[in-house]
Amino acid sequence: MKDAIDQAAQAVRCGKTVIYPTETFFALGGLGMDANVVDMIMKIKGRPDHKPLPLVAGSVRQCQDVAELDPMALILAGQFWPGPLSVLVRAAEHVPRGVKDSGGMVSIRVTPHPDAAKLCLLSGMPLIATSANFSGQPSCALFHDLDKSLKSMVGYALDSACRPAGGLPSTLVRITGTRSLKIIRPGKVSAREMIHRGWKIQS
């Protein structure tokens, strides 16, 4: 598996797109700071321009290279990362459009999937992590369920003995104040769990 991850990382560093496993589903991704890769992924998926692409990282430090994590974000990260909780935060200036939205925000999380985390670290920056499917098609948790034509369009497709869990996607939240969150997309991390950790959920 080490050789496979190394090959995937080499493809990423060369500006190619890859399919790789995360803790939830297989992802279609590549260098999150490369505008050309962003364009390629948008075209491969047939994803609308107004839907920005999320990122995953291998560490909190890697997140801080591309996003502003204020004290509340760091508290949230300490409680839920690595894990399937994506947070909408202010993007750094060098983050390309298509990853950051029109308001300059980016969705990011530290993945607990060991191969995805290693791929991010070997690649040297957070990776785009949109679901590995054509827009409108279901997400895949099994490698053999991936669309063959999609696999043929990327630079490398990484299988793993550590399979994605499937089920729900990562939860997406935005911090709205001191210990206060708004759930933008429900997912793996429930509102009950966030409340249990001391967070208020804004309706």
C-alpha atoms as a PDB file:
ATOM      1  CA  MET A   1       0.000   0.000   0.000  1.00  0.00           C
ATOM      2  CA  LYS A   2       2.910   2.370   0.673  1.00  0.00           C
ATOM      3  CA  ASP A   3       3.954   2.175  -2.989  1.00  0.00           C
ATOM      4  CA  ALA A   4       0.393   2.902  -4.099  1.00  0.00           C
ATOM      5  CA  ILE A   5       0.136   5.971  -1.867  1.00  0.00           C
ATOM      6  CA  ASP A   6       3.532   7.161  -3.098  1.00  0.00           C
ATOM      7  CA  GLN A   7       2.355   6.777  -6.708  1.00  0.00           C
ATOM      8  CA  ALA A   8      -0.848   8.672  -5.952  1.00  0.00           C
ATOM      9  CA  ALA A   9       1.147  11.449  -4.238  1.00  0.00           C
ATOM     10  CA  GLN A  10       3.499  11.678  -7.216  1.00  0.00           C
ATOM     11  CA  ALA A  11       0.516  12.068  -9.542  1.00  0.00           C
ATOM     12  CA  VAL A  12      -0.903  14.796  -7.295  1.00  0.00           C
ATOM     13  CA  ARG A  13       2.381  16.694  -7.142  1.00  0.00           C
ATOM     14  CA  CYS A  14       2.526  16.580 -10.953  1.00  0.00           C
ATOM     15  CA  GLY A  15      -0.814  18.401 -11.108  1.00  0.00           C
ATOM     16  CA  LYS A  16      -2.933  15.364 -11.939  1.00  0.00           C
ATOM     17  CA  THR A  17      -6.309  14.417 -10.535  1.00  0.00           C
ATOM     18  CA  VAL A  18      -6.724  11.338  -8.341  1.00  0.00           C
ATOM     19  CA  ILE A  19      -9.417   9.211  -6.771  1.00  0.00           C
ATOM     20  CA  TYR A  20      -8.700   8.263  -3.157  1.00  0.00           C
ATOM     21  CA  PRO A  21     -10.537   6.972  -0.071  1.00  0.00           C
ATOM     22  CA  THR A  22     -11.664   9.160   2.818  1.00  0.00           C
ATOM     23  CA  GLU A  23     -13.453   8.271   6.054  1.00  0.00           C
ATOM     24  CA  THR A  24     -16.830   8.721   4.354  1.00  0.00           C
ATOM     25  CA  PHE A  25     -16.618   7.997   0.603  1.00  0.00           C
ATOM     26  CA  PHE A  26     -14.106   7.859  -2.220  1.00  0.00           C
ATOM     27  CA  ALA A  27     -13.047  11.361  -3.227  1.00  0.00           C
ATOM     28  CA  LEU A  28     -12.030  12.968  -6.478  1.00  0.00           C
ATOM     29  CA  GLY A  29      -9.224  15.399  -5.815  1.00  0.00           C
ATOM     30  CA  GLY A  30      -5.869  16.942  -6.423  1.00  0.00           C
ATOM     31  CA  LEU A  31      -3.850  19.946  -5.279  1.00  0.00           C
ATOM     32  CA  GLY A  32      -6.227  22.323  -3.572  1.00  0.00           C
ATOM     33  CA  MET A  33      -4.142  25.404  -4.417  1.00  0.00           C
ATOM     34  CA  ASP A  34      -3.828  24.675  -8.149  1.00  0.00           C
ATOM     35  CA  ALA A  35      -6.428  26.564 -10.182  1.00  0.00           C
ATOM     36  CA  ASN A  36      -5.858  24.257 -13.173  1.00  0.00           C
ATOM     37  CA  VAL A  37      -6.670  21.207 -11.025  1.00  0.00           C
ATOM     38  CA  VAL A  38      -9.795  22.967  -9.746  1.00  0.00           C
ATOM     39  CA  ASP A  39     -10.923  23.519 -13.345  1.00  0.00           C
ATOM     40  CA  MET A  40     -10.175  19.906 -14.297  1.00  0.00           C
ATOM     41  CA  ILE A  41     -12.202  18.530 -11.398  1.00  0.00           C
ATOM     42  CA  MET A  42     -15.128  20.844 -12.116  1.00  0.00           C
ATOM     43  CA  LYS A  43     -15.154  19.664 -15.733  1.00  0.00           C
ATOM     44  CA  ILE A  44     -14.741  15.967 -14.896  1.00  0.00           C
ATOM     45  CA  LYS A  45     -17.633  16.057 -12.432  1.00  0.00           C
ATOM     46  CA  GLY A  46     -19.824  18.417 -14.407  1.00  0.00           C
ATOM     47  CA  ARG A  47     -20.088  20.435 -11.194  1.00  0.00           C
ATOM     48  CA  PRO A  48     -21.778  23.865 -11.304  1.00  0.00           C
ATOM     49  CA  ASP A  49     -19.407  26.817 -10.870  1.00  0.00           C
ATOM     50  CA  HIS A  50     -21.371  28.157  -7.890  1.00  0.00           C
ATOM     51  CA  LYS A  51     -20.640  25.015  -5.824  1.00  0.00           C
ATOM     52  CA  PRO A  52     -17.096  25.337  -4.419  1.00  0.00           C
ATOM     53  CA  LEU A  53     -14.947  22.263  -3.837  1.00  0.00           C
ATOM     54  CA  PRO A  54     -14.169  21.186  -0.251  1.00  0.00           C
ATOM     55  CA  LEU A  55     -10.716  20.373   1.100  1.00  0.00           C
ATOM     56  CA  VAL A  56      -9.285  17.720   3.404  1.00  0.00           C
ATOM     57  CA  ALA A  57      -5.964  18.019   5.201  1.00  0.00           C
ATOM     58  CA  GLY A  58      -3.550  15.709   6.966  1.00  0.00           C
ATOM     59  CA  SER A  59      -3.090  17.946  10.024  1.00  0.00           C
ATOM     60  CA  VAL A  60      -4.356  21.117  11.673  1.00  0.00           C
ATOM     61  CA  ARG A  61      -1.099  22.810  10.661  1.00  0.00           C
ATOM     62  CA  GLN A  62      -1.843  21.999   7.039  1.00  0.00           C
ATOM     63  CA  CYS A  63      -5.294  23.556   7.429  1.00  0.00           C
ATOM     64  CA  GLN A  64      -3.686  26.717   8.801  1.00  0.00           C
ATOM     65  CA  ASP A  65      -1.607  27.029   5.628  1.00  0.00           C
ATOM     66  CA  VAL A  66      -4.783  27.715   3.622  1.00  0.00           C
ATOM     67  CA  ALA A  67      -7.407  28.912   6.104  1.00  0.00           C
ATOM     68  CA  GLU A  68      -7.815  31.217   9.077  1.00  0.00           C
ATOM     69  CA  LEU A  69      -8.552  29.148  12.178  1.00  0.00           C
ATOM     70  CA  ASP A  70      -9.576  31.557  14.927  1.00  0.00           C
ATOM     71  CA  PRO A  71      -9.675  30.506  18.626  1.00  0.00           C
ATOM     72  CA  MET A  72     -13.209  29.076  18.322  1.00  0.00           C
ATOM     73  CA  ALA A  73     -12.229  27.080  15.235  1.00  0.00           C
ATOM     74  CA  LEU A  74      -9.213  25.673  17.066  1.00  0.00           C
ATOM     75  CA  ILE A  75     -11.404  24.616  19.998  1.00  0.00           C
ATOM     76  CA  LEU A  76     -13.776  22.887  17.574  1.00  0.00           C
ATOM     77  CA  ALA A  77     -10.820  21.262  15.797  1.00  0.00           C
ATOM     78  CA  GLY A  78      -9.441  19.992  19.087  1.00  0.00           C
ATOM     79  CA  GLN A  79     -12.741  18.273  19.821  1.00  0.00           C
ATOM     80  CA  PHE A  80     -13.621  16.815  16.416  1.00  0.00           C
ATOM     81  CA  TRP A  81     -10.492  16.556  14.253  1.00  0.00           C
ATOM     82  CA  PRO A  82      -9.382  14.269  12.800  1.00  0.00           C
ATOM     83  CA  GLY A  83     -12.976  13.440  11.963  1.00  0.00           C
ATOM     84  CA  PRO A  84     -15.917  13.885   9.583  1.00  0.00           C
ATOM     85  CA  LEU A  85     -16.679  17.485  10.580  1.00  0.00           C
ATOM     86  CA  SER A  86     -16.028  20.066   7.874  1.00  0.00           C
ATOM     87  CA  VAL A  87     -15.854  23.709   8.931  1.00  0.00           C
ATOM     88  CA  LEU A  88     -16.527  26.746   6.771  1.00  0.00           C
ATOM     89  CA  VAL A  89     -13.792  29.274   7.554  1.00  0.00           C
ATOM     90  CA  ARG A  90     -12.085  32.262   5.952  1.00  0.00           C
ATOM     91  CA  ALA A  91      -9.735  31.162   3.156  1.00  0.00           C
ATOM     92  CA  ALA A  92      -6.209  32.481   2.699  1.00  0.00           C
ATOM     93  CA  GLU A  93      -5.639  34.864  -0.198  1.00  0.00           C
ATOM     94  CA  HIS A  94      -3.856  32.256  -2.327  1.00  0.00           C
ATOM     95  CA  VAL A  95      -6.764  29.790  -2.259  1.00  0.00           C
ATOM     96  CA  PRO A  96      -8.232  29.712  -5.797  1.00  0.00           C
ATOM     97  CA  ARG A  97     -11.817  30.491  -6.707  1.00  0.00           C
ATOM     98  CA  GLY A  98     -13.738  27.288  -7.042  1.00  0.00           C
ATOM     99  CA  VAL A  99     -12.307  26.161  -3.712  1.00  0.00           C
ATOM    100  CA  LYS A 100     -13.176  29.336  -1.838  1.00  0.00           C
ATOM    101  CA  ASP A 101     -16.681  30.649  -2.430  1.00  0.00           C
ATOM    102  CA  SER A 102     -17.734  34.124  -3.537  1.00  0.00           C
ATOM    103  CA  GLY A 103     -17.510  35.282   0.076  1.00  0.00           C
ATOM    104  CA  GLY A 104     -13.938  34.054   0.477  1.00  0.00           C
ATOM    105  CA  MET A 105     -14.809  31.026   2.624  1.00  0.00           C
ATOM    106  CA  VAL A 106     -13.529  27.462   2.321  1.00  0.00           C
ATOM    107  CA  SER A 107     -14.805  24.122   3.654  1.00  0.00           C
ATOM    108  CA  ILE A 108     -12.036  22.080   5.276  1.00  0.00           C
ATOM    109  CA  ARG A 109     -11.474  19.202   7.705  1.00  0.00           C
ATOM    110  CA  VAL A 110      -8.645  16.999   8.938  1.00  0.00           C
ATOM    111  CA  THR A 111      -9.388  13.503   7.707  1.00  0.00           C
ATOM    112  CA  PRO A 112      -9.027  10.531  10.058  1.00  0.00           C
ATOM    113  CA  HIS A 113      -8.552   8.149   7.125  1.00  0.00           C
ATOM    114  CA  PRO A 114      -4.901   7.056   7.377  1.00  0.00           C
ATOM    115  CA  ASP A 115      -4.272   6.825   3.625  1.00  0.00           C
ATOM    116  CA  ALA A 116      -6.029  10.107   2.833  1.00  0.00           C
ATOM    117  CA  ALA A 117      -4.110  11.895   5.598  1.00  0.00           C
ATOM    118  CA  LYS A 118      -0.806  10.468   4.374  1.00  0.00           C
ATOM    119  CA  LEU A 119      -1.648  11.447   0.801  1.00  0.00           C
ATOM    120  CA  CYS A 120      -2.280  15.044   1.929  1.00  0.00           C
ATOM    121  CA  LEU A 121       0.999  15.170   3.847  1.00  0.00           C
ATOM    122  CA  LEU A 122       3.021  13.623   1.011  1.00  0.00           C
ATOM    123  CA  SER A 123       1.401  16.006  -1.453  1.00  0.00           C
ATOM    124  CA  GLY A 124       2.432  18.989   0.661  1.00  0.00           C
ATOM    125  CA  MET A 125      -0.949  20.702   0.923  1.00  0.00           C
ATOM    126  CA  PRO A 126      -4.651  20.027   1.506  1.00  0.00           C
ATOM    127  CA  LEU A 127      -6.413  18.140  -1.255  1.00  0.00           C
ATOM    128  CA  ILE A 128      -9.701  18.754  -2.977  1.00  0.00           C
ATOM    129  CA  ALA A 129     -12.138  16.153  -1.687  1.00  0.00           C
ATOM    130  CA  THR A 130     -15.354  16.155  -3.664  1.00  0.00           C
ATOM    131  CA  SER A 131     -17.168  12.826  -3.978  1.00  0.00           C
ATOM    132  CA  ALA A 132     -15.802  10.587  -6.745  1.00  0.00           C
ATOM    133  CA  ASN A 133     -18.847  10.572  -8.983  1.00  0.00           C
ATOM    134  CA  PHE A 134     -20.380  12.582 -11.778  1.00  0.00           C
ATOM    135  CA  SER A 135     -22.708  15.312 -10.498  1.00  0.00           C
ATOM    136  CA  GLY A 136     -26.108  13.876  -9.697  1.00  0.00           C
ATOM    137  CA  GLN A 137     -24.789  10.325  -9.271  1.00  0.00           C
ATOM    138  CA  PRO A 138     -24.443   8.563  -5.888  1.00  0.00           C
ATOM    139  CA  SER A 139     -21.264   8.637  -3.821  1.00  0.00           C
ATOM    140  CA  CYS A 140     -19.246   5.410  -3.599  1.00  0.00           C
ATOM    141  CA  ALA A 141     -17.811   3.661  -0.557  1.00  0.00           C
ATOM    142  CA  LEU A 142     -16.555   0.638  -2.512  1.00  0.00           C
ATOM    143  CA  PHE A 143     -13.788   0.850  -5.092  1.00  0.00           C
ATOM    144  CA  HIS A 144     -15.495  -1.541  -7.503  1.00  0.00           C
ATOM    145  CA  ASP A 145     -18.618   0.667  -7.496  1.00  0.00           C
ATOM    146  CA  LEU A 146     -16.720   3.640  -8.914  1.00  0.00           C
ATOM    147  CA  ASP A 147     -17.727   4.600 -12.448  1.00  0.00           C
ATOM    148  CA  LYS A 148     -15.184   3.079 -14.830  1.00  0.00           C
ATOM    149  CA  SER A 149     -15.298   6.068 -17.146  1.00  0.00           C
ATOM    150  CA  LEU A 150     -14.583   8.361 -14.191  1.00  0.00           C
ATOM    151  CA  LYS A 151     -11.570   6.245 -13.192  1.00  0.00           C
ATOM    152  CA  SER A 152     -10.253   6.472 -16.753  1.00  0.00           C
ATOM    153  CA  MET A 153     -10.304  10.280 -16.579  1.00  0.00           C
ATOM    154  CA  VAL A 154      -7.963  10.691 -13.586  1.00  0.00           C
ATOM    155  CA  GLY A 155      -4.211  10.350 -13.194  1.00  0.00           C
ATOM    156  CA  TYR A 156      -4.387   7.705 -10.464  1.00  0.00           C
ATOM    157  CA  ALA A 157      -7.088   5.768  -8.604  1.00  0.00           C
ATOM    158  CA  LEU A 158      -6.038   4.645  -5.129  1.00  0.00           C
ATOM    159  CA  ASP A 159      -7.735   1.637  -3.559  1.00  0.00           C
ATOM    160  CA  SER A 160      -7.230   0.877   0.129  1.00  0.00           C
ATOM    161  CA  ALA A 161      -7.681  -1.922   2.635  1.00  0.00           C
ATOM    162  CA  CYS A 162      -9.128   0.796   4.890  1.00  0.00           C
ATOM    163  CA  ARG A 163     -12.464   1.287   3.199  1.00  0.00           C
ATOM    164  CA  PRO A 164     -14.632   4.398   3.502  1.00  0.00           C
ATOM    165  CA  ALA A 165     -17.452   3.926   5.990  1.00  0.00           C
ATOM    166  CA  GLY A 166     -20.193   5.128   3.651  1.00  0.00           C
ATOM    167  CA  GLY A 167     -23.503   6.235   5.094  1.00  0.00           C
ATOM    168  CA  LEU A 168     -23.622   9.967   5.711  1.00  0.00           C
ATOM    169  CA  PRO A 169     -21.151  12.547   4.382  1.00  0.00           C
ATOM    170  CA  SER A 170     -19.147  14.795   6.667  1.00  0.00           C
ATOM    171  CA  THR A 171     -21.174  17.348   8.596  1.00  0.00           C
ATOM    172  CA  LEU A 172     -20.550  20.931   7.464  1.00  0.00           C
ATOM    173  CA  VAL A 173     -20.797  23.736  10.015  1.00  0.00           C
ATOM    174  CA  ARG A 174     -20.063  27.444  10.295  1.00  0.00           C
ATOM    175  CA  ILE A 175     -19.024  29.050  13.570  1.00  0.00           C
ATOM    176  CA  THR A 176     -21.437  31.890  14.369  1.00  0.00           C
ATOM    177  CA  GLY A 177     -20.175  33.021  17.771  1.00  0.00           C
ATOM    178  CA  THR A 178     -18.747  31.857  21.065  1.00  0.00           C
ATOM    179  CA  ARG A 179     -19.521  28.136  21.277  1.00  0.00           C
ATOM    180  CA  SER A 180     -22.212  28.617  18.639  1.00  0.00           C
ATOM    181  CA  LEU A 181     -22.579  26.738  15.334  1.00  0.00           C
ATOM    182  CA  LYS A 182     -24.881  26.689  12.358  1.00  0.00           C
ATOM    183  CA  ILE A 183     -25.234  23.328  10.592  1.00  0.00           C
ATOM    184  CA  ILE A 184     -25.010  23.907   6.850  1.00  0.00           C
ATOM    185  CA  ARG A 185     -25.138  20.222   5.888  1.00  0.00           C
ATOM    186  CA  PRO A 186     -26.131  17.465   8.344  1.00  0.00           C
ATOM    187  CA  GLY A 187     -23.874  14.417   8.292  1.00  0.00           C
ATOM    188  CA  LYS A 188     -21.785  12.001  10.339  1.00  0.00           C
ATOM    189  CA  VAL A 189     -21.382  14.277  13.354  1.00  0.00           C
ATOM    190  CA  SER A 190     -24.819  14.832  14.873  1.00  0.00           C
ATOM    191  CA  ALA A 191     -26.185  17.988  16.444  1.00  0.00           C
ATOM    192  CA  ARG A 192     -26.591  16.001  19.659  1.00  0.00           C
ATOM    193  CA  GLU A 193     -22.881  15.220  19.712  1.00  0.00           C
ATOM    194  CA  MET A 194     -21.970  18.865  19.187  1.00  0.00           C
ATOM    195  CA  ILE A 195     -24.359  19.956  21.936  1.00  0.00           C
ATOM    196  CA  HIS A 196     -22.852  17.302  24.221  1.00  0.00           C
ATOM    197  CA  ARG A 197     -19.417  18.878  23.568  1.00  0.00           C
ATOM    198  CA  GLY A 198     -20.704  22.258  24.712  1.00  0.00           C
ATOM    199  CA  TRP A 199     -21.828  23.896  21.454  1.00  0.00           C
ATOM    200  CA  LYS A 200     -25.073  25.756  20.832  1.00  0.00           C
ATOM    201  CA  ILE A 201     -26.769  24.998  17.515  1.00  0.00           C
ATOM    202  CA  GLN A 202     -28.214  28.013  15.768  1.00  0.00           C
ATOM    203  CA  SER A 203     -31.372  27.463  13.773  1.00  0.00           C
END
